[in-house]
Amino acid sequence: MGETTMPNPFETTLAAVFLRRQTELLAHKESLKQIAHKAVFVNGSMFSMFNMVASKIPLDRVPALARALETDPGFLMRLELEQAVGKTASVAVLEVFGTPTTINERA
């Protein structure tokens, strides 16, 4: 019998796609280990696990991760919120607490 792998429910989320793209864009100047260090992850393999979308990114890591990925924290928070609680729940949370604004939107 062949080994079967379970499908990853987070693989196609906007957050996962964005994280993969940002790490690819930064690959010319920083390794995943360097990005993980900047994002205050314990080691590169933990970040790699998230980057390969094996798990959700914890919401409390969004600000540091945004800095490490050279992206706006408000934008990344919106993506991660949807991944963390689902599209319907994230809409409800944003309706109650307001939408995080990006640096550009505040300007």
PDB file of N, CA and C in Angstrom:
ATOM      1  N   MET A   1       0.822  -1.177   0.000  1.00  0.00           N
ATOM      2  CA  MET A   1       0.000   0.000   0.000  1.00  0.00           C
ATOM      3  C   MET A   1       0.868   1.243   0.000  1.00  0.00           C
ATOM      4  N   GLY A   2       0.466   2.216  -0.792  1.00  0.00           N
ATOM      5  CA  GLY A   2       1.195   3.472  -0.843  1.00  0.00           C
ATOM      6  C   GLY A   2       0.808   4.373   0.311  1.00  0.00           C
ATOM      7  N   GLU A   3       1.727   5.222   0.660  1.00  0.00           N
ATOM      8  CA  GLU A   3       1.479   6.171   1.741  1.00  0.00           C
ATOM      9  C   GLU A   3       0.602   7.300   1.220  1.00  0.00           C
ATOM     10  N   THR A   4      -0.431   7.632   1.950  1.00  0.00           N
ATOM     11  CA  THR A   4      -1.300   8.735   1.542  1.00  0.00           C
ATOM     12  C   THR A   4      -1.044   9.928   2.435  1.00  0.00           C
ATOM     13  N   THR A   5      -1.142  11.087   1.850  1.00  0.00           N
ATOM     14  CA  THR A   5      -0.978  12.297   2.636  1.00  0.00           C
ATOM     15  C   THR A   5      -2.322  12.993   2.728  1.00  0.00           C
ATOM     16  N   MET A   6      -2.557  13.577   3.868  1.00  0.00           N
ATOM     17  CA  MET A   6      -3.807  14.290   4.065  1.00  0.00           C
ATOM     18  C   MET A   6      -3.702  15.656   3.391  1.00  0.00           C
ATOM     19  N   PRO A   7      -4.773  16.088   2.765  1.00  0.00           N
ATOM     20  CA  PRO A   7      -4.728  17.417   2.152  1.00  0.00           C
ATOM     21  C   PRO A   7      -4.592  18.492   3.227  1.00  0.00           C
ATOM     22  N   ASN A   8      -3.876  19.540   2.884  1.00  0.00           N
ATOM     23  CA  ASN A   8      -3.658  20.624   3.836  1.00  0.00           C
ATOM     24  C   ASN A   8      -4.745  21.676   3.641  1.00  0.00           C
ATOM     25  N   PRO A   9      -5.553  21.922   4.648  1.00  0.00           N
ATOM     26  CA  PRO A   9      -6.663  22.868   4.490  1.00  0.00           C
ATOM     27  C   PRO A   9      -6.222  24.328   4.365  1.00  0.00           C
ATOM     28  N   PHE A  10      -4.966  24.631   4.701  1.00  0.00           N
ATOM     29  CA  PHE A  10      -4.506  26.018   4.670  1.00  0.00           C
ATOM     30  C   PHE A  10      -3.710  26.365   3.417  1.00  0.00           C
ATOM     31  N   GLU A  11      -3.395  25.366   2.626  1.00  0.00           N
ATOM     32  CA  GLU A  11      -2.484  25.531   1.494  1.00  0.00           C
ATOM     33  C   GLU A  11      -2.909  26.605   0.498  1.00  0.00           C
ATOM     34  N   THR A  12      -4.198  26.745   0.269  1.00  0.00           N
ATOM     35  CA  THR A  12      -4.665  27.689  -0.748  1.00  0.00           C
ATOM     36  C   THR A  12      -5.259  28.969  -0.166  1.00  0.00           C
ATOM     37  N   THR A  13      -5.106  29.180   1.140  1.00  0.00           N
ATOM     38  CA  THR A  13      -5.628  30.414   1.720  1.00  0.00           C
ATOM     39  C   THR A  13      -4.821  31.596   1.195  1.00  0.00           C
ATOM     40  N   LEU A  14      -5.427  32.756   1.200  1.00  0.00           N
ATOM     41  CA  LEU A  14      -4.720  33.957   0.746  1.00  0.00           C
ATOM     42  C   LEU A  14      -3.460  34.197   1.567  1.00  0.00           C
ATOM     43  N   ALA A  15      -3.531  33.910   2.861  1.00  0.00           N
ATOM     44  CA  ALA A  15      -2.362  34.093   3.729  1.00  0.00           C
ATOM     45  C   ALA A  15      -1.225  33.183   3.301  1.00  0.00           C
ATOM     46  N   ALA A  16      -1.520  31.924   3.036  1.00  0.00           N
ATOM     47  CA  ALA A  16      -0.483  30.968   2.634  1.00  0.00           C
ATOM     48  C   ALA A  16       0.147  31.359   1.309  1.00  0.00           C
ATOM     49  N   VAL A  17      -0.673  31.727   0.359  1.00  0.00           N
ATOM     50  CA  VAL A  17      -0.168  32.140  -0.951  1.00  0.00           C
ATOM     51  C   VAL A  17       0.717  33.370  -0.796  1.00  0.00           C
ATOM     52  N   PHE A  18       0.268  34.331   0.001  1.00  0.00           N
ATOM     53  CA  PHE A  18       1.042  35.552   0.216  1.00  0.00           C
ATOM     54  C   PHE A  18       2.373  35.256   0.904  1.00  0.00           C
ATOM     55  N   LEU A  19       2.372  34.413   1.939  1.00  0.00           N
ATOM     56  CA  LEU A  19       3.609  34.076   2.643  1.00  0.00           C
ATOM     57  C   LEU A  19       4.622  33.411   1.715  1.00  0.00           C
ATOM     58  N   ARG A  20       4.152  32.477   0.898  1.00  0.00           N
ATOM     59  CA  ARG A  20       5.064  31.827  -0.051  1.00  0.00           C
ATOM     60  C   ARG A  20       5.646  32.847  -1.018  1.00  0.00           C
ATOM     61  N   ARG A  21       4.801  33.729  -1.510  1.00  0.00           N
ATOM     62  CA  ARG A  21       5.258  34.741  -2.489  1.00  0.00           C
ATOM     63  C   ARG A  21       6.280  35.698  -1.858  1.00  0.00           C
ATOM     64  N   GLN A  22       5.998  36.157  -0.654  1.00  0.00           N
ATOM     65  CA  GLN A  22       6.922  37.093  -0.001  1.00  0.00           C
ATOM     66  C   GLN A  22       8.272  36.452   0.281  1.00  0.00           C
ATOM     67  N   THR A  23       8.264  35.202   0.739  1.00  0.00           N
ATOM     68  CA  THR A  23       9.545  34.543   0.999  1.00  0.00           C
ATOM     69  C   THR A  23      10.312  34.320  -0.300  1.00  0.00           C
ATOM     70  N   GLU A  24       9.607  34.051  -1.390  1.00  0.00           N
ATOM     71  CA  GLU A  24      10.268  33.918  -2.695  1.00  0.00           C
ATOM     72  C   GLU A  24      10.869  35.250  -3.130  1.00  0.00           C
ATOM     73  N   LEU A  25      10.133  36.340  -2.913  1.00  0.00           N
ATOM     74  CA  LEU A  25      10.632  37.659  -3.295  1.00  0.00           C
ATOM     75  C   LEU A  25      11.871  38.071  -2.494  1.00  0.00           C
ATOM     76  N   LEU A  26      11.946  37.615  -1.256  1.00  0.00           N
ATOM     77  CA  LEU A  26      13.083  37.966  -0.403  1.00  0.00           C
ATOM     78  C   LEU A  26      14.242  36.980  -0.510  1.00  0.00           C
ATOM     79  N   ALA A  27      14.047  35.871  -1.208  1.00  0.00           N
ATOM     80  CA  ALA A  27      15.051  34.802  -1.265  1.00  0.00           C
ATOM     81  C   ALA A  27      16.391  35.262  -1.819  1.00  0.00           C
ATOM     82  N   HIS A  28      16.399  36.290  -2.646  1.00  0.00           N
ATOM     83  CA  HIS A  28      17.657  36.767  -3.220  1.00  0.00           C
ATOM     84  C   HIS A  28      18.563  37.429  -2.188  1.00  0.00           C
ATOM     85  N   LYS A  29      17.975  37.829  -1.045  1.00  0.00           N
ATOM     86  CA  LYS A  29      18.804  38.508  -0.045  1.00  0.00           C
ATOM     87  C   LYS A  29      18.767  37.882   1.342  1.00  0.00           C
ATOM     88  N   GLU A  30      17.779  37.004   1.602  1.00  0.00           N
ATOM     89  CA  GLU A  30      17.693  36.387   2.924  1.00  0.00           C
ATOM     90  C   GLU A  30      17.195  34.953   2.831  1.00  0.00           C
ATOM     91  N   SER A  31      17.787  34.105   3.660  1.00  0.00           N
ATOM     92  CA  SER A  31      17.337  32.712   3.728  1.00  0.00           C
ATOM     93  C   SER A  31      16.094  32.631   4.622  1.00  0.00           C
ATOM     94  N   LEU A  32      15.419  31.503   4.566  1.00  0.00           N
ATOM     95  CA  LEU A  32      14.272  31.302   5.456  1.00  0.00           C
ATOM     96  C   LEU A  32      14.710  31.373   6.912  1.00  0.00           C
ATOM     97  N   LYS A  33      15.900  30.885   7.191  1.00  0.00           N
ATOM     98  CA  LYS A  33      16.407  30.926   8.565  1.00  0.00           C
ATOM     99  C   LYS A  33      16.594  32.374   9.025  1.00  0.00           C
ATOM    100  N   GLN A  34      17.105  33.228   8.155  1.00  0.00           N
ATOM    101  CA  GLN A  34      17.276  34.641   8.515  1.00  0.00           C
ATOM    102  C   GLN A  34      15.918  35.317   8.714  1.00  0.00           C
ATOM    103  N   ILE A  35      14.973  35.011   7.842  1.00  0.00           N
ATOM    104  CA  ILE A  35      13.625  35.580   7.980  1.00  0.00           C
ATOM    105  C   ILE A  35      13.003  35.098   9.289  1.00  0.00           C
ATOM    106  N   ALA A  36      13.153  33.803   9.581  1.00  0.00           N
ATOM    107  CA  ALA A  36      12.607  33.244  10.826  1.00  0.00           C
ATOM    108  C   ALA A  36      13.220  33.928  12.042  1.00  0.00           C
ATOM    109  N   HIS A  37      14.517  34.164  11.991  1.00  0.00           N
ATOM    110  CA  HIS A  37      15.188  34.840  13.103  1.00  0.00           C
ATOM    111  C   HIS A  37      14.623  36.251  13.291  1.00  0.00           C
ATOM    112  N   LYS A  38      14.453  36.980  12.195  1.00  0.00           N
ATOM    113  CA  LYS A  38      13.872  38.333  12.269  1.00  0.00           C
ATOM    114  C   LYS A  38      12.448  38.303  12.809  1.00  0.00           C
ATOM    115  N   ALA A  39      11.720  37.247  12.466  1.00  0.00           N
ATOM    116  CA  ALA A  39      10.327  37.122  12.912  1.00  0.00           C
ATOM    117  C   ALA A  39      10.225  36.542  14.315  1.00  0.00           C
ATOM    118  N   VAL A  40      11.369  36.329  14.963  1.00  0.00           N
ATOM    119  CA  VAL A  40      11.475  35.833  16.326  1.00  0.00           C
ATOM    120  C   VAL A  40      10.894  34.415  16.458  1.00  0.00           C
ATOM    121  N   PHE A  41      11.056  33.612  15.421  1.00  0.00           N
ATOM    122  CA  PHE A  41      10.731  32.195  15.536  1.00  0.00           C
ATOM    123  C   PHE A  41      11.976  31.510  16.067  1.00  0.00           C
ATOM    124  N   VAL A  42      11.793  30.437  16.812  1.00  0.00           N
ATOM    125  CA  VAL A  42      12.903  29.773  17.481  1.00  0.00           C
ATOM    126  C   VAL A  42      13.950  29.278  16.487  1.00  0.00           C
ATOM    127  N   ASN A  43      13.494  28.714  15.394  1.00  0.00           N
ATOM    128  CA  ASN A  43      14.451  28.223  14.406  1.00  0.00           C
ATOM    129  C   ASN A  43      13.841  28.280  13.011  1.00  0.00           C
ATOM    130  N   GLY A  44      14.676  28.135  12.031  1.00  0.00           N
ATOM    131  CA  GLY A  44      14.224  28.202  10.650  1.00  0.00           C
ATOM    132  C   GLY A  44      13.231  27.119  10.296  1.00  0.00           C
ATOM    133  N   SER A  45      13.346  25.959  10.930  1.00  0.00           N
ATOM    134  CA  SER A  45      12.430  24.877  10.575  1.00  0.00           C
ATOM    135  C   SER A  45      10.998  25.189  11.000  1.00  0.00           C
ATOM    136  N   MET A  46      10.818  25.900  12.106  1.00  0.00           N
ATOM    137  CA  MET A  46       9.471  26.282  12.517  1.00  0.00           C
ATOM    138  C   MET A  46       8.865  27.223  11.485  1.00  0.00           C
ATOM    139  N   PHE A  47       9.650  28.199  11.030  1.00  0.00           N
ATOM    140  CA  PHE A  47       9.153  29.106  10.011  1.00  0.00           C
ATOM    141  C   PHE A  47       8.893  28.353   8.719  1.00  0.00           C
ATOM    142  N   SER A  48       9.767  27.420   8.375  1.00  0.00           N
ATOM    143  CA  SER A  48       9.569  26.633   7.161  1.00  0.00           C
ATOM    144  C   SER A  48       8.260  25.864   7.227  1.00  0.00           C
ATOM    145  N   MET A  49       7.936  25.346   8.416  1.00  0.00           N
ATOM    146  CA  MET A  49       6.683  24.629   8.580  1.00  0.00           C
ATOM    147  C   MET A  49       5.512  25.547   8.271  1.00  0.00           C
ATOM    148  N   PHE A  50       5.553  26.771   8.800  1.00  0.00           N
ATOM    149  CA  PHE A  50       4.483  27.710   8.515  1.00  0.00           C
ATOM    150  C   PHE A  50       4.500  28.111   7.045  1.00  0.00           C
ATOM    151  N   ASN A  51       5.693  28.312   6.511  1.00  0.00           N
ATOM    152  CA  ASN A  51       5.821  28.727   5.124  1.00  0.00           C
ATOM    153  C   ASN A  51       5.269  27.662   4.179  1.00  0.00           C
ATOM    154  N   MET A  52       5.432  26.420   4.529  1.00  0.00           N
ATOM    155  CA  MET A  52       4.903  25.341   3.707  1.00  0.00           C
ATOM    156  C   MET A  52       3.430  25.099   4.043  1.00  0.00           C
ATOM    157  N   VAL A  53       2.892  25.925   4.894  1.00  0.00           N
ATOM    158  CA  VAL A  53       1.482  25.940   5.256  1.00  0.00           C
ATOM    159  C   VAL A  53       1.046  24.661   5.956  1.00  0.00           C
ATOM    160  N   ALA A  54       1.917  24.169   6.820  1.00  0.00           N
ATOM    161  CA  ALA A  54       1.560  23.007   7.611  1.00  0.00           C
ATOM    162  C   ALA A  54       0.691  23.408   8.792  1.00  0.00           C
ATOM    163  N   SER A  55       0.636  24.685   9.078  1.00  0.00           N
ATOM    164  CA  SER A  55      -0.113  25.167  10.224  1.00  0.00           C
ATOM    165  C   SER A  55      -0.505  26.618   9.991  1.00  0.00           C
ATOM    166  N   LYS A  56      -1.366  27.113  10.839  1.00  0.00           N
ATOM    167  CA  LYS A  56      -1.725  28.533  10.778  1.00  0.00           C
ATOM    168  C   LYS A  56      -0.644  29.349  11.482  1.00  0.00           C
ATOM    169  N   ILE A  57      -0.445  30.566  11.025  1.00  0.00           N
ATOM    170  CA  ILE A  57       0.477  31.470  11.710  1.00  0.00           C
ATOM    171  C   ILE A  57      -0.263  32.029  12.930  1.00  0.00           C
ATOM    172  N   PRO A  58       0.320  31.955  14.112  1.00  0.00           N
ATOM    173  CA  PRO A  58      -0.332  32.533  15.293  1.00  0.00           C
ATOM    174  C   PRO A  58      -0.497  34.046  15.116  1.00  0.00           C
ATOM    175  N   LEU A  59      -1.659  34.551  15.451  1.00  0.00           N
ATOM    176  CA  LEU A  59      -1.940  35.978  15.258  1.00  0.00           C
ATOM    177  C   LEU A  59      -0.983  36.869  16.040  1.00  0.00           C
ATOM    178  N   ASP A  60      -0.496  36.399  17.178  1.00  0.00           N
ATOM    179  CA  ASP A  60       0.428  37.227  17.964  1.00  0.00           C
ATOM    180  C   ASP A  60       1.795  37.361  17.288  1.00  0.00           C
ATOM    181  N   ARG A  61       2.072  36.560  16.269  1.00  0.00           N
ATOM    182  CA  ARG A  61       3.334  36.642  15.541  1.00  0.00           C
ATOM    183  C   ARG A  61       3.259  37.553  14.317  1.00  0.00           C
ATOM    184  N   VAL A  62       2.074  38.046  13.991  1.00  0.00           N
ATOM    185  CA  VAL A  62       1.895  38.838  12.772  1.00  0.00           C
ATOM    186  C   VAL A  62       2.775  40.089  12.730  1.00  0.00           C
ATOM    187  N   PRO A  63       2.850  40.920  13.781  1.00  0.00           N
ATOM    188  CA  PRO A  63       3.686  42.126  13.673  1.00  0.00           C
ATOM    189  C   PRO A  63       5.158  41.823  13.361  1.00  0.00           C
ATOM    190  N   ALA A  64       5.746  40.874  14.083  1.00  0.00           N
ATOM    191  CA  ALA A  64       7.151  40.533  13.829  1.00  0.00           C
ATOM    192  C   ALA A  64       7.324  39.885  12.465  1.00  0.00           C
ATOM    193  N   LEU A  65       6.388  39.044  12.083  1.00  0.00           N
ATOM    194  CA  LEU A  65       6.457  38.395  10.771  1.00  0.00           C
ATOM    195  C   LEU A  65       6.332  39.421   9.650  1.00  0.00           C
ATOM    196  N   ALA A  66       5.463  40.387   9.820  1.00  0.00           N
ATOM    197  CA  ALA A  66       5.304  41.437   8.812  1.00  0.00           C
ATOM    198  C   ALA A  66       6.611  42.214   8.642  1.00  0.00           C
ATOM    199  N   ARG A  67       7.265  42.536   9.753  1.00  0.00           N
ATOM    200  CA  ARG A  67       8.552  43.231   9.661  1.00  0.00           C
ATOM    201  C   ARG A  67       9.587  42.372   8.938  1.00  0.00           C
ATOM    202  N   ALA A  68       9.644  41.106   9.294  1.00  0.00           N
ATOM    203  CA  ALA A  68      10.618  40.201   8.683  1.00  0.00           C
ATOM    204  C   ALA A  68      10.359  40.015   7.189  1.00  0.00           C
ATOM    205  N   LEU A  69       9.097  40.036   6.802  1.00  0.00           N
ATOM    206  CA  LEU A  69       8.735  39.848   5.392  1.00  0.00           C
ATOM    207  C   LEU A  69       8.646  41.172   4.625  1.00  0.00           C
ATOM    208  N   GLU A  70       8.961  42.260   5.332  1.00  0.00           N
ATOM    209  CA  GLU A  70       8.944  43.591   4.718  1.00  0.00           C
ATOM    210  C   GLU A  70       7.587  43.899   4.084  1.00  0.00           C
ATOM    211  N   THR A  71       6.555  43.640   4.868  1.00  0.00           N
ATOM    212  CA  THR A  71       5.197  43.906   4.396  1.00  0.00           C
ATOM    213  C   THR A  71       4.417  44.636   5.476  1.00  0.00           C
ATOM    214  N   ASP A  72       3.279  45.136   5.120  1.00  0.00           N
ATOM    215  CA  ASP A  72       2.461  45.916   6.041  1.00  0.00           C
ATOM    216  C   ASP A  72       1.761  45.009   7.055  1.00  0.00           C
ATOM    217  N   PRO A  73       1.873  45.302   8.346  1.00  0.00           N
ATOM    218  CA  PRO A  73       1.244  44.453   9.361  1.00  0.00           C
ATOM    219  C   PRO A  73      -0.285  44.447   9.295  1.00  0.00           C
ATOM    220  N   GLY A  74      -0.896  45.566   8.924  1.00  0.00           N
ATOM    221  CA  GLY A  74      -2.359  45.593   8.810  1.00  0.00           C
ATOM    222  C   GLY A  74      -2.859  44.660   7.723  1.00  0.00           C
ATOM    223  N   PHE A  75      -2.158  44.652   6.595  1.00  0.00           N
ATOM    224  CA  PHE A  75      -2.525  43.770   5.486  1.00  0.00           C
ATOM    225  C   PHE A  75      -2.349  42.308   5.877  1.00  0.00           C
ATOM    226  N   LEU A  76      -1.198  41.993   6.476  1.00  0.00           N
ATOM    227  CA  LEU A  76      -0.940  40.612   6.876  1.00  0.00           C
ATOM    228  C   LEU A  76      -1.930  40.160   7.949  1.00  0.00           C
ATOM    229  N   MET A  77      -2.296  41.053   8.863  1.00  0.00           N
ATOM    230  CA  MET A  77      -3.264  40.695   9.904  1.00  0.00           C
ATOM    231  C   MET A  77      -4.611  40.317   9.294  1.00  0.00           C
ATOM    232  N   ARG A  78      -5.048  41.064   8.294  1.00  0.00           N
ATOM    233  CA  ARG A  78      -6.319  40.722   7.627  1.00  0.00           C
ATOM    234  C   ARG A  78      -6.261  39.318   7.035  1.00  0.00           C
ATOM    235  N   LEU A  79      -5.160  39.007   6.353  1.00  0.00           N
ATOM    236  CA  LEU A  79      -5.016  37.685   5.741  1.00  0.00           C
ATOM    237  C   LEU A  79      -4.969  36.590   6.792  1.00  0.00           C
ATOM    238  N   GLU A  80      -4.202  36.814   7.839  1.00  0.00           N
ATOM    239  CA  GLU A  80      -4.040  35.804   8.887  1.00  0.00           C
ATOM    240  C   GLU A  80      -5.320  35.623   9.707  1.00  0.00           C
ATOM    241  N   LEU A  81      -6.048  36.688   9.915  1.00  0.00           N
ATOM    242  CA  LEU A  81      -7.309  36.584  10.645  1.00  0.00           C
ATOM    243  C   LEU A  81      -8.272  35.669   9.905  1.00  0.00           C
ATOM    244  N   GLU A  82      -8.369  35.845   8.602  1.00  0.00           N
ATOM    245  CA  GLU A  82      -9.247  34.981   7.808  1.00  0.00           C
ATOM    246  C   GLU A  82      -8.787  33.529   7.895  1.00  0.00           C
ATOM    247  N   GLN A  83      -7.475  33.312   7.836  1.00  0.00           N
ATOM    248  CA  GLN A  83      -6.946  31.950   7.928  1.00  0.00           C
ATOM    249  C   GLN A  83      -7.215  31.361   9.317  1.00  0.00           C
ATOM    250  N   ALA A  84      -7.084  32.180  10.339  1.00  0.00           N
ATOM    251  CA  ALA A  84      -7.214  31.693  11.714  1.00  0.00           C
ATOM    252  C   ALA A  84      -8.640  31.310  12.084  1.00  0.00           C
ATOM    253  N   VAL A  85      -9.596  32.146  11.708  1.00  0.00           N
ATOM    254  CA  VAL A  85     -10.969  31.905  12.169  1.00  0.00           C
ATOM    255  C   VAL A  85     -11.960  31.629  11.053  1.00  0.00           C
ATOM    256  N   GLY A  86     -11.519  31.696   9.817  1.00  0.00           N
ATOM    257  CA  GLY A  86     -12.416  31.457   8.689  1.00  0.00           C
ATOM    258  C   GLY A  86     -12.982  32.768   8.158  1.00  0.00           C
ATOM    259  N   LYS A  87     -13.431  32.713   6.929  1.00  0.00           N
ATOM    260  CA  LYS A  87     -13.887  33.920   6.241  1.00  0.00           C
ATOM    261  C   LYS A  87     -15.096  34.558   6.934  1.00  0.00           C
ATOM    262  N   THR A  88     -16.090  33.778   7.254  1.00  0.00           N
ATOM    263  CA  THR A  88     -17.306  34.323   7.867  1.00  0.00           C
ATOM    264  C   THR A  88     -17.012  34.942   9.230  1.00  0.00           C
ATOM    265  N   ALA A  89     -16.262  34.232  10.055  1.00  0.00           N
ATOM    266  CA  ALA A  89     -15.930  34.754  11.385  1.00  0.00           C
ATOM    267  C   ALA A  89     -15.032  35.980  11.288  1.00  0.00           C
ATOM    268  N   SER A  90     -14.103  35.990  10.330  1.00  0.00           N
ATOM    269  CA  SER A  90     -13.220  37.157  10.211  1.00  0.00           C
ATOM    270  C   SER A  90     -14.004  38.387   9.798  1.00  0.00           C
ATOM    271  N   VAL A  91     -15.021  38.213   8.965  1.00  0.00           N
ATOM    272  CA  VAL A  91     -15.874  39.341   8.592  1.00  0.00           C
ATOM    273  C   VAL A  91     -16.579  39.878   9.832  1.00  0.00           C
ATOM    274  N   ALA A  92     -17.077  38.985  10.687  1.00  0.00           N
ATOM    275  CA  ALA A  92     -17.760  39.394  11.917  1.00  0.00           C
ATOM    276  C   ALA A  92     -16.796  40.122  12.860  1.00  0.00           C
ATOM    277  N   VAL A  93     -15.585  39.589  13.025  1.00  0.00           N
ATOM    278  CA  VAL A  93     -14.597  40.226  13.903  1.00  0.00           C
ATOM    279  C   VAL A  93     -14.268  41.625  13.394  1.00  0.00           C
ATOM    280  N   LEU A  94     -14.042  41.745  12.095  1.00  0.00           N
ATOM    281  CA  LEU A  94     -13.709  43.051  11.522  1.00  0.00           C
ATOM    282  C   LEU A  94     -14.884  44.026  11.625  1.00  0.00           C
ATOM    283  N   GLU A  95     -16.093  43.494  11.536  1.00  0.00           N
ATOM    284  CA  GLU A  95     -17.272  44.351  11.670  1.00  0.00           C
ATOM    285  C   GLU A  95     -17.378  44.907  13.093  1.00  0.00           C
ATOM    286  N   VAL A  96     -17.069  44.088  14.068  1.00  0.00           N
ATOM    287  CA  VAL A  96     -17.156  44.511  15.466  1.00  0.00           C
ATOM    288  C   VAL A  96     -15.991  45.419  15.857  1.00  0.00           C
ATOM    289  N   PHE A  97     -14.778  45.025  15.505  1.00  0.00           N
ATOM    290  CA  PHE A  97     -13.592  45.741  15.969  1.00  0.00           C
ATOM    291  C   PHE A  97     -13.000  46.703  14.950  1.00  0.00           C
ATOM    292  N   GLY A  98     -13.464  46.637  13.733  1.00  0.00           N
ATOM    293  CA  GLY A  98     -12.931  47.504  12.688  1.00  0.00           C
ATOM    294  C   GLY A  98     -11.824  46.812  11.910  1.00  0.00           C
ATOM    295  N   THR A  99     -11.633  47.274  10.717  1.00  0.00           N
ATOM    296  CA  THR A  99     -10.626  46.706   9.837  1.00  0.00           C
ATOM    297  C   THR A  99      -9.267  47.323  10.132  1.00  0.00           C
ATOM    298  N   PRO A 100      -8.226  46.485  10.327  1.00  0.00           N
ATOM    299  CA  PRO A 100      -6.897  47.055  10.501  1.00  0.00           C
ATOM    300  C   PRO A 100      -6.504  47.804   9.229  1.00  0.00           C
ATOM    301  N   THR A 101      -5.998  48.980   9.394  1.00  0.00           N
ATOM    302  CA  THR A 101      -5.605  49.760   8.222  1.00  0.00           C
ATOM    303  C   THR A 101      -4.120  49.605   7.953  1.00  0.00           C
ATOM    304  N   THR A 102      -3.774  49.664   6.670  1.00  0.00           N
ATOM    305  CA  THR A 102      -2.367  49.590   6.302  1.00  0.00           C
ATOM    306  C   THR A 102      -1.727  50.946   6.488  1.00  0.00           C
ATOM    307  N   ILE A 103      -0.427  50.992   6.473  1.00  0.00           N
ATOM    308  CA  ILE A 103       0.296  52.251   6.590  1.00  0.00           C
ATOM    309  C   ILE A 103      -0.125  53.212   5.487  1.00  0.00           C
ATOM    310  N   ASN A 104      -0.277  52.698   4.271  1.00  0.00           N
ATOM    311  CA  ASN A 104      -0.698  53.524   3.141  1.00  0.00           C
ATOM    312  C   ASN A 104      -2.103  54.070   3.328  1.00  0.00           C
ATOM    313  N   GLU A 105      -2.986  53.263   3.905  1.00  0.00           N
ATOM    314  CA  GLU A 105      -4.356  53.718   4.124  1.00  0.00           C
ATOM    315  C   GLU A 105      -4.426  54.803   5.196  1.00  0.00           C
ATOM    316  N   ARG A 106      -3.486  54.793   6.139  1.00  0.00           N
ATOM    317  CA  ARG A 106      -3.464  55.810   7.183  1.00  0.00           C
ATOM    318  C   ARG A 106      -2.872  57.131   6.703  1.00  0.00           C
ATOM    319  N   ALA A 107      -2.095  57.079   5.640  1.00  0.00           N
ATOM    320  CA  ALA A 107      -1.411  58.269   5.145  1.00  0.00           C
ATOM    321  C   ALA A 107      -2.361  59.252   4.472  1.00  0.00           C
TER     322      ALA A 107
END
